[in-house]
Amino acid sequence: MAKRGSHADSMTRAFVAIRPPPEVLDAIEARTAAVVMRGGRPTAREHWHLTLRFLGDAVEIAEVEAAFAREPLALGAGEVGLGGADALGNRRRARILALLLHEGVQWVRALAVEIERRLAPLGYGRDLREPAFVPHLTLARFREPTDLRRLCAAIGPEPAGPVWRVEEVVLYESVLRPQGAQHVVRACIPT
């Protein structure tokens, strides 16, 4: 649920995410470079991240930053590793091709809960109608439900890149442009 305030000019689209390090991004790029995703819109390398909390289209960035300053995250660093390709939902009729986690799933879920707990008082709480949180990195989105079994097999089930230590999350502003969204780092928040 996105909070709506009275200062429309200071509001923007934003989310909190984990950004993989360059060696993991390189591994993902190597695994997906030759894979043709017919009917899908591949996610660009600069957009590869694990969203922990989408805040909406009317976010007061300064207010979100202040919430983390008042009550810093206290979970500590965690080890995270991306697994192989999978679909979110039924592989035969999915709209999202992703890399799920093979390492750190529980830690990432706990981190998402901590973020939500700090931001819910500002009106950025989880809508109970939302599906359960599944940590993932989106590789492609499909307009129509698509059989993604071939793509999952082409990318493979092996882990994508090394396990890495996550010591911060990023508050991103998503600037929508005709050529696609641009993700701008607004704050780095220690875990």
C-alpha atoms as a PDB file:
ATOM      1  CA  MET A   1       0.000   0.000   0.000  1.00  0.00           C
ATOM      2  CA  ALA A   2       1.512   3.326  -0.985  1.00  0.00           C
ATOM      3  CA  LYS A   3       1.120   6.300   1.268  1.00  0.00           C
ATOM      4  CA  ARG A   4      -0.330   9.414  -0.256  1.00  0.00           C
ATOM      5  CA  GLY A   5       0.594  12.784   1.134  1.00  0.00           C
ATOM      6  CA  SER A   6       0.005  16.434   0.377  1.00  0.00           C
ATOM      7  CA  HIS A   7       3.387  17.209  -1.172  1.00  0.00           C
ATOM      8  CA  ALA A   8       2.910  15.689  -4.633  1.00  0.00           C
ATOM      9  CA  ASP A   9       6.074  17.292  -6.001  1.00  0.00           C
ATOM     10  CA  SER A  10       8.226  15.486  -3.402  1.00  0.00           C
ATOM     11  CA  MET A  11       6.715  12.063  -4.116  1.00  0.00           C
ATOM     12  CA  THR A  12       8.054   9.463  -6.435  1.00  0.00           C
ATOM     13  CA  ARG A  13       8.042   5.741  -7.343  1.00  0.00           C
ATOM     14  CA  ALA A  14      10.420   3.801  -5.092  1.00  0.00           C
ATOM     15  CA  PHE A  15      11.443   0.408  -3.728  1.00  0.00           C
ATOM     16  CA  VAL A  16      13.967  -1.176  -1.360  1.00  0.00           C
ATOM     17  CA  ALA A  17      16.207  -3.903  -2.782  1.00  0.00           C
ATOM     18  CA  ILE A  18      19.406  -5.929  -2.598  1.00  0.00           C
ATOM     19  CA  ARG A  19      21.830  -5.228  -5.432  1.00  0.00           C
ATOM     20  CA  PRO A  20      24.084  -8.192  -6.337  1.00  0.00           C
ATOM     21  CA  PRO A  21      27.808  -7.483  -6.715  1.00  0.00           C
ATOM     22  CA  PRO A  22      29.425  -7.211 -10.183  1.00  0.00           C
ATOM     23  CA  GLU A  23      30.759 -10.807 -10.191  1.00  0.00           C
ATOM     24  CA  VAL A  24      27.212 -12.130  -9.676  1.00  0.00           C
ATOM     25  CA  LEU A  25      25.847  -9.809 -12.367  1.00  0.00           C
ATOM     26  CA  ASP A  26      28.610 -11.064 -14.703  1.00  0.00           C
ATOM     27  CA  ALA A  27      27.612 -14.680 -13.994  1.00  0.00           C
ATOM     28  CA  ILE A  28      23.938 -13.934 -14.701  1.00  0.00           C
ATOM     29  CA  GLU A  29      24.848 -12.158 -17.916  1.00  0.00           C
ATOM     30  CA  ALA A  30      27.005 -15.090 -19.056  1.00  0.00           C
ATOM     31  CA  ARG A  31      24.195 -17.579 -18.323  1.00  0.00           C
ATOM     32  CA  THR A  32      21.469 -15.599 -20.108  1.00  0.00           C
ATOM     33  CA  ALA A  33      23.356 -13.973 -23.023  1.00  0.00           C
ATOM     34  CA  ALA A  34      22.506 -16.637 -25.607  1.00  0.00           C
ATOM     35  CA  VAL A  35      18.955 -17.303 -24.395  1.00  0.00           C
ATOM     36  CA  VAL A  36      16.206 -15.929 -26.671  1.00  0.00           C
ATOM     37  CA  MET A  37      13.139 -14.916 -24.659  1.00  0.00           C
ATOM     38  CA  ARG A  38      10.417 -14.819 -27.326  1.00  0.00           C
ATOM     39  CA  GLY A  39       7.349 -12.959 -26.144  1.00  0.00           C
ATOM     40  CA  GLY A  40       9.178 -11.695 -23.086  1.00  0.00           C
ATOM     41  CA  ARG A  41      10.740  -8.420 -22.101  1.00  0.00           C
ATOM     42  CA  PRO A  42      14.171  -9.205 -20.610  1.00  0.00           C
ATOM     43  CA  THR A  43      15.255  -7.175 -17.608  1.00  0.00           C
ATOM     44  CA  ALA A  44      18.387  -5.133 -18.268  1.00  0.00           C
ATOM     45  CA  ARG A  45      21.521  -5.817 -16.219  1.00  0.00           C
ATOM     46  CA  GLU A  46      21.289  -2.400 -14.546  1.00  0.00           C
ATOM     47  CA  HIS A  47      17.862  -3.423 -13.211  1.00  0.00           C
ATOM     48  CA  TRP A  48      18.910  -6.769 -11.726  1.00  0.00           C
ATOM     49  CA  HIS A  49      18.135  -6.714  -8.014  1.00  0.00           C
ATOM     50  CA  LEU A  50      16.084  -8.530  -5.371  1.00  0.00           C
ATOM     51  CA  THR A  51      13.134  -6.344  -4.395  1.00  0.00           C
ATOM     52  CA  LEU A  52      12.429  -6.487  -0.669  1.00  0.00           C
ATOM     53  CA  ARG A  53       9.596  -3.951  -0.609  1.00  0.00           C
ATOM     54  CA  PHE A  54       7.934  -2.028  -3.445  1.00  0.00           C
ATOM     55  CA  LEU A  55       6.716   1.213  -1.903  1.00  0.00           C
ATOM     56  CA  GLY A  56       4.482   2.496  -4.697  1.00  0.00           C
ATOM     57  CA  ASP A  57       4.180   5.482  -6.981  1.00  0.00           C
ATOM     58  CA  ALA A  58       3.643   8.182  -4.345  1.00  0.00           C
ATOM     59  CA  VAL A  59       6.611   7.806  -2.014  1.00  0.00           C
ATOM     60  CA  GLU A  60       8.101  10.555   0.104  1.00  0.00           C
ATOM     61  CA  ILE A  61      11.756   9.524  -0.109  1.00  0.00           C
ATOM     62  CA  ALA A  62      12.949  11.783   2.726  1.00  0.00           C
ATOM     63  CA  GLU A  63      10.317  10.309   5.040  1.00  0.00           C
ATOM     64  CA  VAL A  64      11.442   6.763   4.211  1.00  0.00           C
ATOM     65  CA  GLU A  65      15.107   7.664   4.766  1.00  0.00           C
ATOM     66  CA  ALA A  66      14.185   9.265   8.113  1.00  0.00           C
ATOM     67  CA  ALA A  67      12.356   6.099   9.223  1.00  0.00           C
ATOM     68  CA  PHE A  68      15.537   4.042   8.738  1.00  0.00           C
ATOM     69  CA  ALA A  69      17.626   6.732  10.469  1.00  0.00           C
ATOM     70  CA  ARG A  70      15.281   6.650  13.499  1.00  0.00           C
ATOM     71  CA  GLU A  71      15.283   2.864  13.692  1.00  0.00           C
ATOM     72  CA  PRO A  72      18.181   1.281  11.793  1.00  0.00           C
ATOM     73  CA  LEU A  73      17.921  -2.291  10.607  1.00  0.00           C
ATOM     74  CA  ALA A  74      19.528  -4.576  13.173  1.00  0.00           C
ATOM     75  CA  LEU A  75      19.567  -7.935  11.425  1.00  0.00           C
ATOM     76  CA  GLY A  76      23.261  -7.910  10.586  1.00  0.00           C
ATOM     77  CA  ALA A  77      24.877  -9.084   7.365  1.00  0.00           C
ATOM     78  CA  GLY A  78      23.659 -12.199   5.579  1.00  0.00           C
ATOM     79  CA  GLU A  79      24.984 -14.602   2.967  1.00  0.00           C
ATOM     80  CA  VAL A  80      22.921 -14.766  -0.238  1.00  0.00           C
ATOM     81  CA  GLY A  81      23.261 -16.873  -3.360  1.00  0.00           C
ATOM     82  CA  LEU A  82      21.166 -17.011  -6.497  1.00  0.00           C
ATOM     83  CA  GLY A  83      19.973 -20.384  -7.720  1.00  0.00           C
ATOM     84  CA  GLY A  84      18.964 -21.470 -11.175  1.00  0.00           C
ATOM     85  CA  ALA A  85      16.159 -20.224 -13.389  1.00  0.00           C
ATOM     86  CA  ASP A  86      12.543 -20.769 -12.449  1.00  0.00           C
ATOM     87  CA  ALA A  87       9.153 -19.262 -13.087  1.00  0.00           C
ATOM     88  CA  LEU A  88       7.144 -17.448 -10.482  1.00  0.00           C
ATOM     89  CA  GLY A  89       4.041 -19.584 -10.332  1.00  0.00           C
ATOM     90  CA  ASN A  90       3.256 -22.488 -12.642  1.00  0.00           C
ATOM     91  CA  ARG A  91       6.094 -22.946 -15.177  1.00  0.00           C
ATOM     92  CA  ARG A  92       3.534 -23.790 -17.884  1.00  0.00           C
ATOM     93  CA  ARG A  93       1.604 -20.526 -17.486  1.00  0.00           C
ATOM     94  CA  ALA A  94       3.873 -17.907 -15.927  1.00  0.00           C
ATOM     95  CA  ARG A  95       4.536 -14.252 -16.600  1.00  0.00           C
ATOM     96  CA  ILE A  96       7.854 -13.901 -14.749  1.00  0.00           C
ATOM     97  CA  LEU A  97      11.117 -15.750 -15.394  1.00  0.00           C
ATOM     98  CA  ALA A  98      13.418 -15.379 -12.403  1.00  0.00           C
ATOM     99  CA  LEU A  99      16.408 -16.617 -10.488  1.00  0.00           C
ATOM    100  CA  LEU A 100      15.367 -17.817  -7.043  1.00  0.00           C
ATOM    101  CA  LEU A 101      17.701 -18.084  -4.075  1.00  0.00           C
ATOM    102  CA  HIS A 102      19.614 -21.221  -3.143  1.00  0.00           C
ATOM    103  CA  GLU A 103      21.310 -19.577  -0.149  1.00  0.00           C
ATOM    104  CA  GLY A 104      19.964 -17.095   2.401  1.00  0.00           C
ATOM    105  CA  VAL A 105      16.214 -17.433   1.772  1.00  0.00           C
ATOM    106  CA  GLN A 106      15.276 -17.227   5.460  1.00  0.00           C
ATOM    107  CA  TRP A 107      17.618 -14.284   6.068  1.00  0.00           C
ATOM    108  CA  VAL A 108      16.187 -12.349   3.082  1.00  0.00           C
ATOM    109  CA  ARG A 109      12.633 -13.025   4.272  1.00  0.00           C
ATOM    110  CA  ALA A 110      13.539 -11.813   7.785  1.00  0.00           C
ATOM    111  CA  LEU A 111      15.110  -8.703   6.247  1.00  0.00           C
ATOM    112  CA  ALA A 112      11.936  -7.989   4.256  1.00  0.00           C
ATOM    113  CA  VAL A 113       9.882  -8.282   7.471  1.00  0.00           C
ATOM    114  CA  GLU A 114      12.226  -5.848   9.253  1.00  0.00           C
ATOM    115  CA  ILE A 115      11.912  -3.332   6.409  1.00  0.00           C
ATOM    116  CA  GLU A 116       8.143  -3.637   6.396  1.00  0.00           C
ATOM    117  CA  ARG A 117       7.980  -3.180  10.169  1.00  0.00           C
ATOM    118  CA  ARG A 118       9.820   0.138   9.936  1.00  0.00           C
ATOM    119  CA  LEU A 119       7.818   1.460   6.996  1.00  0.00           C
ATOM    120  CA  ALA A 120       4.284   0.254   7.874  1.00  0.00           C
ATOM    121  CA  PRO A 121       3.689   3.200  10.261  1.00  0.00           C
ATOM    122  CA  LEU A 122       4.287   5.502   7.273  1.00  0.00           C
ATOM    123  CA  GLY A 123       1.580   3.730   5.279  1.00  0.00           C
ATOM    124  CA  TYR A 124       3.837   1.427   3.266  1.00  0.00           C
ATOM    125  CA  GLY A 125       2.554  -1.783   4.837  1.00  0.00           C
ATOM    126  CA  ARG A 126       1.933  -5.020   2.998  1.00  0.00           C
ATOM    127  CA  ASP A 127      -1.512  -5.467   1.523  1.00  0.00           C
ATOM    128  CA  LEU A 128      -2.842  -8.814   2.769  1.00  0.00           C
ATOM    129  CA  ARG A 129      -4.101  -9.541  -0.756  1.00  0.00           C
ATOM    130  CA  GLU A 130      -0.509  -9.552  -2.042  1.00  0.00           C
ATOM    131  CA  PRO A 131       0.991 -12.971  -2.712  1.00  0.00           C
ATOM    132  CA  ALA A 132       3.521 -14.297  -0.215  1.00  0.00           C
ATOM    133  CA  PHE A 133       6.998 -12.804  -0.576  1.00  0.00           C
ATOM    134  CA  VAL A 134       9.297 -14.918  -2.783  1.00  0.00           C
ATOM    135  CA  PRO A 135      12.878 -13.593  -2.924  1.00  0.00           C
ATOM    136  CA  HIS A 136      13.966 -13.532  -6.575  1.00  0.00           C
ATOM    137  CA  LEU A 137      15.760 -11.640  -9.305  1.00  0.00           C
ATOM    138  CA  THR A 138      13.539 -11.024 -12.355  1.00  0.00           C
ATOM    139  CA  LEU A 139      15.117 -12.009 -15.682  1.00  0.00           C
ATOM    140  CA  ALA A 140      12.104 -11.330 -17.939  1.00  0.00           C
ATOM    141  CA  ARG A 141       8.422 -10.430 -17.865  1.00  0.00           C
ATOM    142  CA  PHE A 142       5.840 -11.843 -20.271  1.00  0.00           C
ATOM    143  CA  ARG A 143       2.662 -10.028 -21.251  1.00  0.00           C
ATOM    144  CA  GLU A 144       0.713 -13.277 -21.619  1.00  0.00           C
ATOM    145  CA  PRO A 145       0.962 -16.458 -19.505  1.00  0.00           C
ATOM    146  CA  THR A 146       3.782 -18.413 -21.143  1.00  0.00           C
ATOM    147  CA  ASP A 147       5.242 -21.897 -20.878  1.00  0.00           C
ATOM    148  CA  LEU A 148       8.670 -21.120 -19.394  1.00  0.00           C
ATOM    149  CA  ARG A 149       9.958 -24.687 -19.069  1.00  0.00           C
ATOM    150  CA  ARG A 150      12.219 -24.362 -22.140  1.00  0.00           C
ATOM    151  CA  LEU A 151      13.732 -21.118 -20.851  1.00  0.00           C
ATOM    152  CA  CYS A 152      14.271 -22.535 -17.366  1.00  0.00           C
ATOM    153  CA  ALA A 153      16.086 -25.505 -18.906  1.00  0.00           C
ATOM    154  CA  ALA A 154      18.160 -23.278 -21.229  1.00  0.00           C
ATOM    155  CA  ILE A 155      19.378 -21.110 -18.344  1.00  0.00           C
ATOM    156  CA  GLY A 156      19.790 -24.126 -16.098  1.00  0.00           C
ATOM    157  CA  PRO A 157      19.231 -25.077 -12.464  1.00  0.00           C
ATOM    158  CA  GLU A 158      22.807 -24.403 -11.298  1.00  0.00           C
ATOM    159  CA  PRO A 159      23.541 -21.482  -8.952  1.00  0.00           C
ATOM    160  CA  ALA A 160      24.224 -18.214 -10.771  1.00  0.00           C
ATOM    161  CA  GLY A 161      27.464 -16.789  -9.467  1.00  0.00           C
ATOM    162  CA  PRO A 162      29.044 -16.999  -6.038  1.00  0.00           C
ATOM    163  CA  VAL A 163      27.370 -16.542  -2.663  1.00  0.00           C
ATOM    164  CA  TRP A 164      27.899 -12.979  -1.463  1.00  0.00           C
ATOM    165  CA  ARG A 165      27.690 -11.069   1.812  1.00  0.00           C
ATOM    166  CA  VAL A 166      24.870  -8.515   1.995  1.00  0.00           C
ATOM    167  CA  GLU A 167      25.656  -5.683   4.385  1.00  0.00           C
ATOM    168  CA  GLU A 168      23.242  -3.057   3.051  1.00  0.00           C
ATOM    169  CA  VAL A 169      20.017  -2.598   1.147  1.00  0.00           C
ATOM    170  CA  VAL A 170      19.336   0.153  -1.346  1.00  0.00           C
ATOM    171  CA  LEU A 171      16.440   2.620  -1.462  1.00  0.00           C
ATOM    172  CA  TYR A 172      15.875   3.182  -5.175  1.00  0.00           C
ATOM    173  CA  GLU A 173      13.864   5.849  -6.924  1.00  0.00           C
ATOM    174  CA  SER A 174      12.396   4.493 -10.149  1.00  0.00           C
ATOM    175  CA  VAL A 175      12.202   7.260 -12.742  1.00  0.00           C
ATOM    176  CA  LEU A 176       9.842   6.264 -15.544  1.00  0.00           C
ATOM    177  CA  ARG A 177      10.984   7.311 -19.023  1.00  0.00           C
ATOM    178  CA  PRO A 178       9.716   6.407 -22.524  1.00  0.00           C
ATOM    179  CA  GLN A 179      12.803   4.205 -23.083  1.00  0.00           C
ATOM    180  CA  GLY A 180      12.252   2.429 -19.745  1.00  0.00           C
ATOM    181  CA  ALA A 181      12.707   2.997 -16.044  1.00  0.00           C
ATOM    182  CA  GLN A 182      15.921   4.340 -14.586  1.00  0.00           C
ATOM    183  CA  HIS A 183      16.758   3.207 -11.042  1.00  0.00           C
ATOM    184  CA  VAL A 184      18.481   5.912  -9.028  1.00  0.00           C
ATOM    185  CA  VAL A 185      20.134   5.090  -5.690  1.00  0.00           C
ATOM    186  CA  ARG A 186      18.683   7.421  -3.050  1.00  0.00           C
ATOM    187  CA  ALA A 187      20.093   5.772   0.099  1.00  0.00           C
ATOM    188  CA  CYS A 188      22.158   2.775   1.205  1.00  0.00           C
ATOM    189  CA  ILE A 189      20.869   1.307   4.458  1.00  0.00           C
ATOM    190  CA  PRO A 190      23.061  -1.018   6.578  1.00  0.00           C
ATOM    191  CA  THR A 191      21.442  -4.343   7.426  1.00  0.00           C
END
